[in-house]
Amino acid sequence: MSLINEYRATEEAIKELQERLKNLSQDDKLKKELEFEGKLRTLMGEYQKSLRDIIAMLDPDAKVSKAPRAGAKATGVKRARKVKQYKNPHTGEVIETKGGNHKTLKEWKAKWTSDVVESWATLLD
């Protein structure tokens, strides 16, 4: 795409987004949601509560985010994959692999489907 075409396409996209923004800003539902959010944040600030605190109060069984906390240490150790041995009952061919990125294994899965080929696997230790 030439630079002038890219410029014009970007200009058109900006115009469309501005029109969409204008329509959204006139929407009563959006106005009510923004008003609610503002009041909620003000109230949270008044009582020194975070979103996490509010969620814990309203839904004590809610799952906590899996993002690491400031005090948590990342070990950086990956679990080693186990070796699988596949024996093709049609050809008698045997392959061993730790992952699914094996050329022959991919060919088998394309020919006989993944479920069938996985049924030929045995786990090696």
C-alpha atoms as a PDB file:
ATOM      1  CA  MET A   1       0.000   0.000   0.000  1.00  0.00           C
ATOM      2  CA  SER A   2       1.401   3.396  -0.935  1.00  0.00           C
ATOM      3  CA  LEU A   3       1.921   5.979   1.725  1.00  0.00           C
ATOM      4  CA  ILE A   4      -0.853   8.216   0.386  1.00  0.00           C
ATOM      5  CA  ASN A   5      -3.325   5.311   0.417  1.00  0.00           C
ATOM      6  CA  GLU A   6      -2.350   4.450   3.967  1.00  0.00           C
ATOM      7  CA  TYR A   7      -2.800   8.101   4.950  1.00  0.00           C
ATOM      8  CA  ARG A   8      -6.272   8.265   3.414  1.00  0.00           C
ATOM      9  CA  ALA A   9      -7.323   4.962   4.973  1.00  0.00           C
ATOM     10  CA  THR A  10      -6.130   6.174   8.367  1.00  0.00           C
ATOM     11  CA  GLU A  11      -7.992   9.447   7.919  1.00  0.00           C
ATOM     12  CA  GLU A  12     -11.183   7.555   7.060  1.00  0.00           C
ATOM     13  CA  ALA A  13     -10.757   5.262  10.079  1.00  0.00           C
ATOM     14  CA  ILE A  14     -10.312   8.296  12.339  1.00  0.00           C
ATOM     15  CA  LYS A  15     -13.494   9.870  10.978  1.00  0.00           C
ATOM     16  CA  GLU A  16     -15.439   6.640  11.585  1.00  0.00           C
ATOM     17  CA  LEU A  17     -14.086   6.348  15.125  1.00  0.00           C
ATOM     18  CA  GLN A  18     -14.895   9.984  15.877  1.00  0.00           C
ATOM     19  CA  GLU A  19     -18.481   9.427  14.697  1.00  0.00           C
ATOM     20  CA  ARG A  20     -18.720   6.293  16.836  1.00  0.00           C
ATOM     21  CA  LEU A  21     -17.349   8.170  19.849  1.00  0.00           C
ATOM     22  CA  LYS A  22     -19.861  10.969  19.297  1.00  0.00           C
ATOM     23  CA  ASN A  23     -22.729   8.442  19.185  1.00  0.00           C
ATOM     24  CA  LEU A  24     -21.488   6.680  22.313  1.00  0.00           C
ATOM     25  CA  SER A  25     -21.120   9.931  24.246  1.00  0.00           C
ATOM     26  CA  GLN A  26     -24.812  10.674  23.599  1.00  0.00           C
ATOM     27  CA  ASP A  27     -25.924   7.245  24.848  1.00  0.00           C
ATOM     28  CA  ASP A  28     -27.869   7.418  28.132  1.00  0.00           C
ATOM     29  CA  LYS A  29     -26.688   3.953  29.228  1.00  0.00           C
ATOM     30  CA  LEU A  30     -23.060   5.019  28.896  1.00  0.00           C
ATOM     31  CA  LYS A  31     -23.743   8.203  30.862  1.00  0.00           C
ATOM     32  CA  LYS A  32     -25.310   6.179  33.700  1.00  0.00           C
ATOM     33  CA  GLU A  33     -22.402   3.696  33.739  1.00  0.00           C
ATOM     34  CA  LEU A  34     -19.830   6.502  33.822  1.00  0.00           C
ATOM     35  CA  GLU A  35     -21.743   8.210  36.627  1.00  0.00           C
ATOM     36  CA  PHE A  36     -21.889   4.942  38.599  1.00  0.00           C
ATOM     37  CA  GLU A  37     -18.178   4.293  38.064  1.00  0.00           C
ATOM     38  CA  GLY A  38     -17.302   7.799  39.248  1.00  0.00           C
ATOM     39  CA  LYS A  39     -19.421   7.490  42.383  1.00  0.00           C
ATOM     40  CA  LEU A  40     -18.052   4.006  43.111  1.00  0.00           C
ATOM     41  CA  ARG A  41     -14.441   5.151  42.768  1.00  0.00           C
ATOM     42  CA  THR A  42     -15.132   8.144  45.013  1.00  0.00           C
ATOM     43  CA  LEU A  43     -16.684   5.876  47.633  1.00  0.00           C
ATOM     44  CA  MET A  44     -13.792   3.414  47.364  1.00  0.00           C
ATOM     45  CA  GLY A  45     -11.343   6.275  47.913  1.00  0.00           C
ATOM     46  CA  GLU A  46     -13.314   7.540  50.887  1.00  0.00           C
ATOM     47  CA  TYR A  47     -13.065   4.141  52.592  1.00  0.00           C
ATOM     48  CA  GLN A  48      -9.585   3.223  51.240  1.00  0.00           C
ATOM     49  CA  LYS A  49     -10.886   0.096  49.471  1.00  0.00           C
ATOM     50  CA  SER A  50      -9.576  -1.439  46.251  1.00  0.00           C
ATOM     51  CA  LEU A  51     -11.477  -3.324  43.566  1.00  0.00           C
ATOM     52  CA  ARG A  52     -10.076  -6.524  45.032  1.00  0.00           C
ATOM     53  CA  ASP A  53     -11.605  -5.633  48.420  1.00  0.00           C
ATOM     54  CA  ILE A  54     -14.997  -4.930  46.831  1.00  0.00           C
ATOM     55  CA  ILE A  55     -14.956  -8.220  44.920  1.00  0.00           C
ATOM     56  CA  ALA A  56     -13.993 -10.098  48.090  1.00  0.00           C
ATOM     57  CA  MET A  57     -16.949  -8.534  49.919  1.00  0.00           C
ATOM     58  CA  LEU A  58     -19.491  -9.181  47.185  1.00  0.00           C
ATOM     59  CA  ASP A  59     -18.239 -12.603  46.098  1.00  0.00           C
ATOM     60  CA  PRO A  60     -15.993 -14.269  48.705  1.00  0.00           C
ATOM     61  CA  ASP A  61     -15.612 -17.368  46.521  1.00  0.00           C
ATOM     62  CA  ALA A  62     -14.298 -15.409  43.505  1.00  0.00           C
ATOM     63  CA  LYS A  63     -11.003 -16.572  42.076  1.00  0.00           C
ATOM     64  CA  VAL A  64      -8.075 -14.281  42.757  1.00  0.00           C
ATOM     65  CA  SER A  65      -6.083 -13.088  39.759  1.00  0.00           C
ATOM     66  CA  LYS A  66      -3.187 -15.350  38.828  1.00  0.00           C
ATOM     67  CA  ALA A  67      -0.865 -12.389  38.310  1.00  0.00           C
ATOM     68  CA  PRO A  68       2.207 -12.667  40.510  1.00  0.00           C
ATOM     69  CA  ARG A  69       2.154 -10.475  43.602  1.00  0.00           C
ATOM     70  CA  ALA A  70       4.976  -8.157  44.581  1.00  0.00           C
ATOM     71  CA  GLY A  71       6.207 -10.514  47.306  1.00  0.00           C
ATOM     72  CA  ALA A  72       5.939 -13.704  45.272  1.00  0.00           C
ATOM     73  CA  LYS A  73       9.070 -15.225  43.769  1.00  0.00           C
ATOM     74  CA  ALA A  74       9.086 -16.812  40.329  1.00  0.00           C
ATOM     75  CA  THR A  75      11.122 -20.002  40.303  1.00  0.00           C
ATOM     76  CA  GLY A  76      11.594 -20.041  36.534  1.00  0.00           C
ATOM     77  CA  VAL A  77      11.731 -23.823  36.435  1.00  0.00           C
ATOM     78  CA  LYS A  78       9.815 -25.524  33.652  1.00  0.00           C
ATOM     79  CA  ARG A  79       8.346 -28.957  34.118  1.00  0.00           C
ATOM     80  CA  ALA A  80      10.086 -31.443  31.856  1.00  0.00           C
ATOM     81  CA  ARG A  81       7.902 -33.110  29.251  1.00  0.00           C
ATOM     82  CA  LYS A  82       7.558 -36.847  29.394  1.00  0.00           C
ATOM     83  CA  VAL A  83       8.526 -39.023  26.454  1.00  0.00           C
ATOM     84  CA  LYS A  84       5.682 -40.694  24.595  1.00  0.00           C
ATOM     85  CA  GLN A  85       6.111 -43.684  22.342  1.00  0.00           C
ATOM     86  CA  TYR A  86       3.690 -44.097  19.444  1.00  0.00           C
ATOM     87  CA  LYS A  87       3.374 -47.432  17.639  1.00  0.00           C
ATOM     88  CA  ASN A  88       1.491 -47.361  14.366  1.00  0.00           C
ATOM     89  CA  PRO A  89      -0.555 -50.590  14.172  1.00  0.00           C
ATOM     90  CA  HIS A  90      -0.865 -50.247  10.391  1.00  0.00           C
ATOM     91  CA  THR A  91       2.851 -50.045   9.592  1.00  0.00           C
ATOM     92  CA  GLY A  92       4.485 -51.233  12.820  1.00  0.00           C
ATOM     93  CA  GLU A  93       6.593 -48.050  12.848  1.00  0.00           C
ATOM     94  CA  VAL A  94       7.534 -46.710  16.303  1.00  0.00           C
ATOM     95  CA  ILE A  95       8.447 -43.123  17.155  1.00  0.00           C
ATOM     96  CA  GLU A  96       9.379 -41.483  20.449  1.00  0.00           C
ATOM     97  CA  THR A  97       8.796 -37.786  21.094  1.00  0.00           C
ATOM     98  CA  LYS A  98       8.396 -35.294  23.917  1.00  0.00           C
ATOM     99  CA  GLY A  99       6.087 -32.993  21.975  1.00  0.00           C
ATOM    100  CA  GLY A 100       3.647 -32.872  19.094  1.00  0.00           C
ATOM    101  CA  ASN A 101       6.040 -31.179  16.684  1.00  0.00           C
ATOM    102  CA  HIS A 102       7.278 -34.412  15.126  1.00  0.00           C
ATOM    103  CA  LYS A 103       7.067 -34.730  11.342  1.00  0.00           C
ATOM    104  CA  THR A 104       5.911 -38.350  11.224  1.00  0.00           C
ATOM    105  CA  LEU A 105       3.500 -37.831  14.128  1.00  0.00           C
ATOM    106  CA  LYS A 106       1.922 -34.895  12.281  1.00  0.00           C
ATOM    107  CA  GLU A 107       1.534 -37.005   9.158  1.00  0.00           C
ATOM    108  CA  TRP A 108      -0.163 -39.775  11.139  1.00  0.00           C
ATOM    109  CA  LYS A 109      -2.528 -37.300  12.800  1.00  0.00           C
ATOM    110  CA  ALA A 110      -3.404 -35.829   9.420  1.00  0.00           C
ATOM    111  CA  LYS A 111      -4.133 -39.294   8.009  1.00  0.00           C
ATOM    112  CA  TRP A 112      -5.846 -41.005  10.992  1.00  0.00           C
ATOM    113  CA  THR A 113      -6.972 -38.048  13.229  1.00  0.00           C
ATOM    114  CA  SER A 114      -5.385 -36.904  16.451  1.00  0.00           C
ATOM    115  CA  ASP A 115      -7.623 -38.976  18.749  1.00  0.00           C
ATOM    116  CA  VAL A 116      -6.790 -42.218  16.985  1.00  0.00           C
ATOM    117  CA  VAL A 117      -3.054 -41.527  16.968  1.00  0.00           C
ATOM    118  CA  GLU A 118      -3.080 -40.525  20.656  1.00  0.00           C
ATOM    119  CA  SER A 119      -4.666 -43.902  21.428  1.00  0.00           C
ATOM    120  CA  TRP A 120      -1.471 -45.529  20.093  1.00  0.00           C
ATOM    121  CA  ALA A 121       0.689 -43.667  22.653  1.00  0.00           C
ATOM    122  CA  THR A 122       2.359 -45.122  25.693  1.00  0.00           C
ATOM    123  CA  LEU A 123       4.077 -42.959  28.289  1.00  0.00           C
ATOM    124  CA  LEU A 124       7.769 -43.688  28.904  1.00  0.00           C
ATOM    125  CA  ASP A 125       9.513 -42.653  32.136  1.00  0.00           C
END
